[in-house]
């Protein structure tokens, strides 16, 4: 729990999100930076990628 509190106090985070999507045709990935700004958190996409599943799946 202490580690989560430490993360919440940071002014800048780099996070990764992964999902298969509702169509389940591949994996989507996103790397984002979230910085604390004057008007709240500001997200920025650093990189993103979609890799389709092989047809035999």
C-alpha atoms as a PDB file:
ATOM      1  CA  UNK A   1       0.000   0.000   0.000  1.00  0.00           C
ATOM      2  CA  UNK A   2       2.847   2.384   0.792  1.00  0.00           C
ATOM      3  CA  UNK A   3       4.185   1.985  -2.752  1.00  0.00           C
ATOM      4  CA  UNK A   4       0.818   3.011  -4.227  1.00  0.00           C
ATOM      5  CA  UNK A   5       0.768   6.124  -2.054  1.00  0.00           C
ATOM      6  CA  UNK A   6       4.297   7.009  -3.231  1.00  0.00           C
ATOM      7  CA  UNK A   7       3.212   6.622  -6.875  1.00  0.00           C
ATOM      8  CA  UNK A   8       0.150   8.816  -6.326  1.00  0.00           C
ATOM      9  CA  UNK A   9       2.360  11.634  -5.012  1.00  0.00           C
ATOM     10  CA  UNK A  10       4.584  11.761  -8.105  1.00  0.00           C
ATOM     11  CA  UNK A  11       4.142  14.709 -10.452  1.00  0.00           C
ATOM     12  CA  UNK A  12       5.082  12.633 -13.529  1.00  0.00           C
ATOM     13  CA  UNK A  13       4.239   9.027 -14.352  1.00  0.00           C
ATOM     14  CA  UNK A  14       4.937   6.905 -17.413  1.00  0.00           C
ATOM     15  CA  UNK A  15       2.369   4.133 -17.764  1.00  0.00           C
ATOM     16  CA  UNK A  16       1.621   1.272 -20.174  1.00  0.00           C
ATOM     17  CA  UNK A  17      -1.855   0.150 -21.130  1.00  0.00           C
ATOM     18  CA  UNK A  18      -2.702  -3.115 -22.923  1.00  0.00           C
ATOM     19  CA  UNK A  19      -6.019  -4.422 -24.219  1.00  0.00           C
ATOM     20  CA  UNK A  20      -7.364  -6.925 -26.703  1.00  0.00           C
ATOM     21  CA  UNK A  21     -10.378  -4.851 -27.688  1.00  0.00           C
ATOM     22  CA  UNK A  22     -13.961  -6.040 -28.045  1.00  0.00           C
ATOM     23  CA  UNK A  23     -13.335  -7.543 -31.495  1.00  0.00           C
ATOM     24  CA  UNK A  24     -10.402  -9.600 -30.110  1.00  0.00           C
ATOM     25  CA  UNK A  25      -8.530  -9.191 -33.400  1.00  0.00           C
ATOM     26  CA  UNK A  26      -5.220  -8.173 -31.825  1.00  0.00           C
ATOM     27  CA  UNK A  27      -3.411  -6.521 -28.951  1.00  0.00           C
ATOM     28  CA  UNK A  28      -3.302  -2.737 -28.559  1.00  0.00           C
ATOM     29  CA  UNK A  29      -0.560  -1.112 -26.484  1.00  0.00           C
ATOM     30  CA  UNK A  30      -0.033   2.491 -25.433  1.00  0.00           C
ATOM     31  CA  UNK A  31       2.762   4.184 -23.490  1.00  0.00           C
ATOM     32  CA  UNK A  32       1.634   7.452 -21.949  1.00  0.00           C
ATOM     33  CA  UNK A  33       3.087  10.132 -19.718  1.00  0.00           C
ATOM     34  CA  UNK A  34       0.847  11.766 -17.138  1.00  0.00           C
ATOM     35  CA  UNK A  35       2.092  15.025 -15.647  1.00  0.00           C
ATOM     36  CA  UNK A  36       0.503  17.121 -12.938  1.00  0.00           C
ATOM     37  CA  UNK A  37      -0.311  20.510 -14.433  1.00  0.00           C
ATOM     38  CA  UNK A  38      -1.895  23.712 -13.201  1.00  0.00           C
ATOM     39  CA  UNK A  39      -5.364  22.412 -14.143  1.00  0.00           C
ATOM     40  CA  UNK A  40      -4.918  18.772 -13.135  1.00  0.00           C
ATOM     41  CA  UNK A  41      -3.320  15.722 -14.734  1.00  0.00           C
ATOM     42  CA  UNK A  42      -2.256  16.100 -18.373  1.00  0.00           C
ATOM     43  CA  UNK A  43      -1.807  12.894 -20.404  1.00  0.00           C
ATOM     44  CA  UNK A  44       0.454  12.611 -23.463  1.00  0.00           C
ATOM     45  CA  UNK A  45       0.792   9.557 -25.705  1.00  0.00           C
ATOM     46  CA  UNK A  46       4.461   8.650 -26.136  1.00  0.00           C
ATOM     47  CA  UNK A  47       3.962   5.568 -28.331  1.00  0.00           C
ATOM     48  CA  UNK A  48       1.220   3.208 -29.452  1.00  0.00           C
ATOM     49  CA  UNK A  49       1.001   0.019 -31.446  1.00  0.00           C
ATOM     50  CA  UNK A  50      -1.499  -2.581 -32.609  1.00  0.00           C
ATOM     51  CA  UNK A  51      -0.379  -6.138 -33.332  1.00  0.00           C
ATOM     52  CA  UNK A  52      -2.983  -8.363 -34.979  1.00  0.00           C
ATOM     53  CA  UNK A  53      -3.433 -11.936 -33.812  1.00  0.00           C
ATOM     54  CA  UNK A  54      -2.210 -14.578 -36.273  1.00  0.00           C
ATOM     55  CA  UNK A  55      -5.032 -15.742 -38.594  1.00  0.00           C
ATOM     56  CA  UNK A  56      -4.838 -19.305 -37.236  1.00  0.00           C
ATOM     57  CA  UNK A  57      -6.051 -18.095 -33.821  1.00  0.00           C
END
